[in-house]
Amino acid sequence: MSENVTVTDAPERHRYEAQIAGDQVGVAEYELDGSTVTFTHTVVDDSAEGKGVGSRLAKTALDAARDKGFRVVPQCRFIASYIARHEEYLDLVDAADRSLVDPAS
C-alpha cells in the first residue's frame, strides 16, 4: 500500500520522486513558470504498479502546489485523471485549462 511510498521534490531535476525502501519507483515531472506548475509526465515502474505510487505522487505534488499558492496545468494524463477523480484539486486549475481534466478518464 501507499504507506510505504515516500515522495520528495527534486527541484533541480524538475520532478517529484517516489521511493519504496530507498528504491526510486516513480516520478512526476513538472515545469515551473512563476507561480504556475505544469505537470508534463508521470511514470511508475512496473514493479510498483498497484502500490499507490502514482496516487501518492499526484497527491504530494498537488498538495505542494496548493501550499505554495501555485496554479496547475495538468498536461500529464495521469495528473489530469487524478484531478478528475479528486475534485478537491480542481480549484488549482484555471478555467482555461479545465478542458485538460476529463472526468471520463
N, C-alpha and C. Protein backbone atom coordinates (compact mmCIF):
# COMPACT_ATOMS: atom_id res chain seq x y z
N MET A 1 0.83 -1.19 0.00
CA MET A 1 0.00 0.00 0.00
C MET A 1 0.87 1.25 0.00
N SER A 2 0.21 2.39 -0.16
CA SER A 2 0.93 3.65 -0.32
C SER A 2 1.65 4.12 0.93
N GLU A 3 1.38 3.52 2.10
CA GLU A 3 2.07 3.98 3.30
C GLU A 3 3.57 3.71 3.24
N ASN A 4 4.02 2.83 2.37
CA ASN A 4 5.44 2.53 2.21
C ASN A 4 6.11 3.43 1.17
N VAL A 5 5.34 4.31 0.55
CA VAL A 5 5.85 5.17 -0.52
C VAL A 5 6.26 6.52 0.07
N THR A 6 7.49 6.93 -0.23
CA THR A 6 7.99 8.23 0.17
C THR A 6 8.14 9.08 -1.09
N VAL A 7 7.62 10.30 -1.05
CA VAL A 7 7.71 11.21 -2.20
C VAL A 7 8.43 12.47 -1.77
N THR A 8 9.42 12.87 -2.57
CA THR A 8 10.16 14.10 -2.31
C THR A 8 10.25 14.91 -3.60
N ASP A 9 10.32 16.22 -3.43
CA ASP A 9 10.51 17.11 -4.56
C ASP A 9 12.00 17.18 -4.86
N ALA A 10 12.35 17.04 -6.12
CA ALA A 10 13.72 17.19 -6.59
C ALA A 10 13.73 18.35 -7.58
N PRO A 11 13.67 19.60 -7.06
CA PRO A 11 13.51 20.76 -7.96
C PRO A 11 14.64 20.92 -8.97
N GLU A 12 15.83 20.46 -8.63
CA GLU A 12 16.94 20.56 -9.58
C GLU A 12 16.73 19.65 -10.80
N ARG A 13 15.87 18.64 -10.64
CA ARG A 13 15.54 17.73 -11.75
C ARG A 13 14.12 17.96 -12.27
N HIS A 14 13.42 18.95 -11.67
CA HIS A 14 12.06 19.31 -12.08
C HIS A 14 11.11 18.12 -12.00
N ARG A 15 11.14 17.47 -10.83
CA ARG A 15 10.23 16.33 -10.68
C ARG A 15 10.09 15.95 -9.21
N TYR A 16 8.98 15.28 -8.95
CA TYR A 16 8.78 14.62 -7.67
C TYR A 16 9.21 13.18 -7.86
N GLU A 17 9.88 12.62 -6.87
CA GLU A 17 10.40 11.26 -6.97
C GLU A 17 9.78 10.40 -5.87
N ALA A 18 9.34 9.22 -6.25
CA ALA A 18 8.74 8.29 -5.30
C ALA A 18 9.71 7.14 -5.05
N GLN A 19 9.84 6.77 -3.78
CA GLN A 19 10.71 5.66 -3.41
C GLN A 19 9.93 4.69 -2.52
N ILE A 20 10.30 3.44 -2.65
CA ILE A 20 9.86 2.38 -1.73
C ILE A 20 11.13 1.73 -1.25
N ALA A 21 11.32 1.73 0.06
CA ALA A 21 12.51 1.13 0.68
C ALA A 21 13.80 1.66 0.06
N GLY A 22 13.81 2.95 -0.27
CA GLY A 22 15.01 3.57 -0.81
C GLY A 22 15.21 3.42 -2.30
N ASP A 23 14.36 2.64 -2.96
CA ASP A 23 14.47 2.45 -4.41
C ASP A 23 13.50 3.39 -5.13
N GLN A 24 14.00 4.13 -6.10
CA GLN A 24 13.12 5.01 -6.88
C GLN A 24 12.21 4.16 -7.74
N VAL A 25 10.89 4.43 -7.61
CA VAL A 25 9.92 3.63 -8.34
C VAL A 25 8.97 4.47 -9.19
N GLY A 26 9.13 5.80 -9.15
CA GLY A 26 8.26 6.63 -9.97
C GLY A 26 8.66 8.08 -9.90
N VAL A 27 8.21 8.83 -10.92
CA VAL A 27 8.46 10.27 -10.96
C VAL A 27 7.24 10.98 -11.56
N ALA A 28 7.06 12.22 -11.12
CA ALA A 28 6.09 13.14 -11.72
C ALA A 28 6.89 14.37 -12.14
N GLU A 29 7.06 14.53 -13.43
CA GLU A 29 7.88 15.63 -13.95
C GLU A 29 7.04 16.89 -14.10
N TYR A 30 7.70 18.03 -13.90
CA TYR A 30 6.99 19.30 -14.00
C TYR A 30 7.90 20.40 -14.54
N GLU A 31 7.24 21.47 -15.01
CA GLU A 31 7.93 22.69 -15.41
C GLU A 31 7.34 23.81 -14.56
N LEU A 32 8.19 24.65 -14.06
CA LEU A 32 7.75 25.76 -13.22
C LEU A 32 7.95 27.07 -13.97
N ASP A 33 6.89 27.88 -14.02
CA ASP A 33 6.95 29.19 -14.65
C ASP A 33 6.26 30.18 -13.72
N GLY A 34 7.05 30.89 -12.94
CA GLY A 34 6.48 31.80 -11.96
C GLY A 34 5.69 31.02 -10.92
N SER A 35 4.40 31.32 -10.85
CA SER A 35 3.55 30.62 -9.89
C SER A 35 2.64 29.59 -10.56
N THR A 36 3.07 29.11 -11.72
CA THR A 36 2.33 28.07 -12.43
C THR A 36 3.22 26.84 -12.57
N VAL A 37 2.68 25.70 -12.17
CA VAL A 37 3.39 24.45 -12.32
C VAL A 37 2.64 23.60 -13.35
N THR A 38 3.36 23.18 -14.37
CA THR A 38 2.79 22.35 -15.42
C THR A 38 3.33 20.94 -15.25
N PHE A 39 2.42 20.00 -14.98
CA PHE A 39 2.83 18.61 -14.86
C PHE A 39 2.84 17.99 -16.25
N THR A 40 3.99 17.47 -16.65
CA THR A 40 4.19 17.03 -18.02
C THR A 40 4.19 15.52 -18.21
N HIS A 41 4.60 14.78 -17.18
CA HIS A 41 4.72 13.33 -17.36
C HIS A 41 4.83 12.66 -15.99
N THR A 42 4.12 11.56 -15.84
CA THR A 42 4.23 10.75 -14.63
C THR A 42 4.46 9.32 -15.06
N VAL A 43 5.41 8.67 -14.40
CA VAL A 43 5.70 7.27 -14.72
C VAL A 43 5.97 6.51 -13.43
N VAL A 44 5.46 5.28 -13.40
CA VAL A 44 5.67 4.39 -12.26
C VAL A 44 6.24 3.09 -12.80
N ASP A 45 7.29 2.59 -12.16
CA ASP A 45 7.89 1.33 -12.56
C ASP A 45 6.86 0.20 -12.49
N ASP A 46 6.98 -0.73 -13.42
CA ASP A 46 6.08 -1.88 -13.44
C ASP A 46 6.09 -2.61 -12.10
N SER A 47 7.25 -2.67 -11.47
CA SER A 47 7.38 -3.40 -10.19
C SER A 47 6.58 -2.75 -9.07
N ALA A 48 6.17 -1.50 -9.25
CA ALA A 48 5.45 -0.77 -8.20
C ALA A 48 3.98 -0.53 -8.54
N GLU A 49 3.53 -1.06 -9.67
CA GLU A 49 2.13 -0.90 -10.06
C GLU A 49 1.22 -1.47 -8.98
N GLY A 50 0.14 -0.75 -8.73
CA GLY A 50 -0.85 -1.22 -7.76
C GLY A 50 -0.48 -0.98 -6.31
N LYS A 51 0.58 -0.25 -6.07
CA LYS A 51 1.03 0.02 -4.70
C LYS A 51 0.76 1.46 -4.26
N GLY A 52 -0.01 2.19 -5.04
CA GLY A 52 -0.36 3.55 -4.68
C GLY A 52 0.69 4.59 -4.99
N VAL A 53 1.69 4.23 -5.78
CA VAL A 53 2.79 5.14 -6.08
C VAL A 53 2.30 6.35 -6.88
N GLY A 54 1.57 6.12 -7.95
CA GLY A 54 1.08 7.22 -8.77
C GLY A 54 0.18 8.16 -7.99
N SER A 55 -0.71 7.59 -7.20
CA SER A 55 -1.61 8.41 -6.39
C SER A 55 -0.84 9.22 -5.36
N ARG A 56 0.14 8.64 -4.74
CA ARG A 56 0.94 9.37 -3.75
C ARG A 56 1.73 10.49 -4.42
N LEU A 57 2.28 10.21 -5.62
CA LEU A 57 2.98 11.26 -6.37
C LEU A 57 2.04 12.42 -6.66
N ALA A 58 0.86 12.12 -7.19
CA ALA A 58 -0.09 13.16 -7.56
C ALA A 58 -0.53 13.96 -6.34
N LYS A 59 -0.91 13.28 -5.28
CA LYS A 59 -1.38 13.96 -4.08
C LYS A 59 -0.30 14.86 -3.49
N THR A 60 0.91 14.35 -3.38
CA THR A 60 2.01 15.14 -2.82
C THR A 60 2.29 16.37 -3.67
N ALA A 61 2.34 16.19 -4.98
CA ALA A 61 2.64 17.30 -5.89
C ALA A 61 1.53 18.34 -5.88
N LEU A 62 0.28 17.90 -5.88
CA LEU A 62 -0.84 18.84 -5.88
C LEU A 62 -0.97 19.55 -4.53
N ASP A 63 -0.74 18.84 -3.44
CA ASP A 63 -0.76 19.47 -2.12
C ASP A 63 0.33 20.53 -2.02
N ALA A 64 1.51 20.24 -2.57
CA ALA A 64 2.61 21.21 -2.56
C ALA A 64 2.25 22.44 -3.39
N ALA A 65 1.62 22.21 -4.54
CA ALA A 65 1.20 23.34 -5.37
C ALA A 65 0.22 24.23 -4.60
N ARG A 66 -0.73 23.60 -3.91
CA ARG A 66 -1.69 24.37 -3.13
C ARG A 66 -0.99 25.16 -2.02
N ASP A 67 -0.09 24.48 -1.30
CA ASP A 67 0.63 25.13 -0.19
C ASP A 67 1.43 26.34 -0.67
N LYS A 68 1.95 26.27 -1.89
CA LYS A 68 2.76 27.37 -2.44
C LYS A 68 1.93 28.43 -3.16
N GLY A 69 0.62 28.19 -3.28
CA GLY A 69 -0.24 29.14 -3.98
C GLY A 69 -0.09 29.08 -5.48
N PHE A 70 0.37 27.94 -6.01
CA PHE A 70 0.60 27.79 -7.45
C PHE A 70 -0.69 27.40 -8.17
N ARG A 71 -0.76 27.77 -9.43
CA ARG A 71 -1.78 27.30 -10.36
C ARG A 71 -1.22 26.04 -11.01
N VAL A 72 -2.09 25.14 -11.43
CA VAL A 72 -1.68 23.86 -12.00
C VAL A 72 -2.19 23.73 -13.43
N VAL A 73 -1.29 23.29 -14.31
CA VAL A 73 -1.67 22.93 -15.68
C VAL A 73 -1.39 21.43 -15.80
N PRO A 74 -2.45 20.61 -15.85
CA PRO A 74 -2.27 19.16 -15.87
C PRO A 74 -2.12 18.59 -17.28
N GLN A 75 -0.97 18.85 -17.92
CA GLN A 75 -0.74 18.30 -19.26
C GLN A 75 -0.56 16.79 -19.20
N CYS A 76 -0.06 16.29 -18.11
CA CYS A 76 0.12 14.85 -17.92
C CYS A 76 -1.25 14.20 -17.74
N ARG A 77 -1.52 13.15 -18.51
CA ARG A 77 -2.82 12.49 -18.43
C ARG A 77 -3.08 11.90 -17.05
N PHE A 78 -2.04 11.39 -16.39
CA PHE A 78 -2.25 10.80 -15.07
C PHE A 78 -2.68 11.86 -14.07
N ILE A 79 -1.98 13.00 -14.04
CA ILE A 79 -2.33 14.07 -13.12
C ILE A 79 -3.73 14.60 -13.43
N ALA A 80 -4.04 14.77 -14.71
CA ALA A 80 -5.38 15.24 -15.11
C ALA A 80 -6.45 14.27 -14.64
N SER A 81 -6.20 12.98 -14.82
CA SER A 81 -7.16 11.96 -14.39
C SER A 81 -7.31 11.94 -12.87
N TYR A 82 -6.20 12.15 -12.17
CA TYR A 82 -6.24 12.18 -10.71
C TYR A 82 -7.11 13.36 -10.24
N ILE A 83 -6.94 14.51 -10.87
CA ILE A 83 -7.75 15.68 -10.52
C ILE A 83 -9.22 15.41 -10.82
N ALA A 84 -9.51 14.76 -11.92
CA ALA A 84 -10.90 14.43 -12.27
C ALA A 84 -11.53 13.53 -11.20
N ARG A 85 -10.74 12.64 -10.63
CA ARG A 85 -11.25 11.72 -9.59
C ARG A 85 -11.23 12.35 -8.19
N HIS A 86 -10.47 13.41 -8.02
CA HIS A 86 -10.34 14.09 -6.73
C HIS A 86 -10.61 15.58 -6.95
N GLU A 87 -11.88 15.91 -7.09
CA GLU A 87 -12.28 17.26 -7.48
C GLU A 87 -11.88 18.34 -6.49
N GLU A 88 -11.40 17.97 -5.31
CA GLU A 88 -10.93 18.98 -4.37
C GLU A 88 -9.71 19.72 -4.89
N TYR A 89 -9.09 19.18 -5.96
CA TYR A 89 -7.93 19.84 -6.57
C TYR A 89 -8.29 20.66 -7.80
N LEU A 90 -9.54 20.59 -8.23
CA LEU A 90 -9.95 21.28 -9.46
C LEU A 90 -9.78 22.79 -9.35
N ASP A 91 -9.88 23.34 -8.15
CA ASP A 91 -9.72 24.79 -7.98
C ASP A 91 -8.29 25.27 -8.27
N LEU A 92 -7.33 24.35 -8.34
CA LEU A 92 -5.95 24.71 -8.68
C LEU A 92 -5.77 24.97 -10.17
N VAL A 93 -6.74 24.51 -10.96
CA VAL A 93 -6.66 24.58 -12.42
C VAL A 93 -7.49 25.75 -12.92
N ASP A 94 -6.86 26.65 -13.66
CA ASP A 94 -7.59 27.79 -14.24
C ASP A 94 -8.66 27.29 -15.20
N ALA A 95 -9.73 28.08 -15.33
CA ALA A 95 -10.84 27.72 -16.21
C ALA A 95 -10.36 27.41 -17.63
N ALA A 96 -9.38 28.16 -18.11
CA ALA A 96 -8.88 27.97 -19.47
C ALA A 96 -8.22 26.60 -19.65
N ASP A 97 -7.77 25.98 -18.56
CA ASP A 97 -7.08 24.69 -18.64
C ASP A 97 -7.93 23.52 -18.18
N ARG A 98 -9.17 23.78 -17.81
CA ARG A 98 -10.00 22.71 -17.26
C ARG A 98 -10.39 21.66 -18.30
N SER A 99 -10.30 22.00 -19.57
CA SER A 99 -10.59 21.00 -20.59
C SER A 99 -9.57 19.87 -20.55
N LEU A 100 -8.42 20.10 -19.93
CA LEU A 100 -7.41 19.05 -19.77
C LEU A 100 -7.84 17.99 -18.76
N VAL A 101 -8.75 18.39 -17.87
CA VAL A 101 -9.24 17.49 -16.83
C VAL A 101 -10.52 16.85 -17.35
N ASP A 102 -10.42 15.63 -17.80
CA ASP A 102 -11.55 14.93 -18.40
C ASP A 102 -12.13 13.96 -17.38
N PRO A 103 -13.33 14.25 -16.84
CA PRO A 103 -13.91 13.37 -15.84
C PRO A 103 -14.14 11.95 -16.35
N ALA A 104 -14.16 11.75 -17.66
CA ALA A 104 -14.37 10.41 -18.21
C ALA A 104 -13.10 9.60 -18.22
N SER A 105 -11.96 10.19 -17.82
CA SER A 105 -10.67 9.48 -17.84
C SER A 105 -10.64 8.37 -16.83
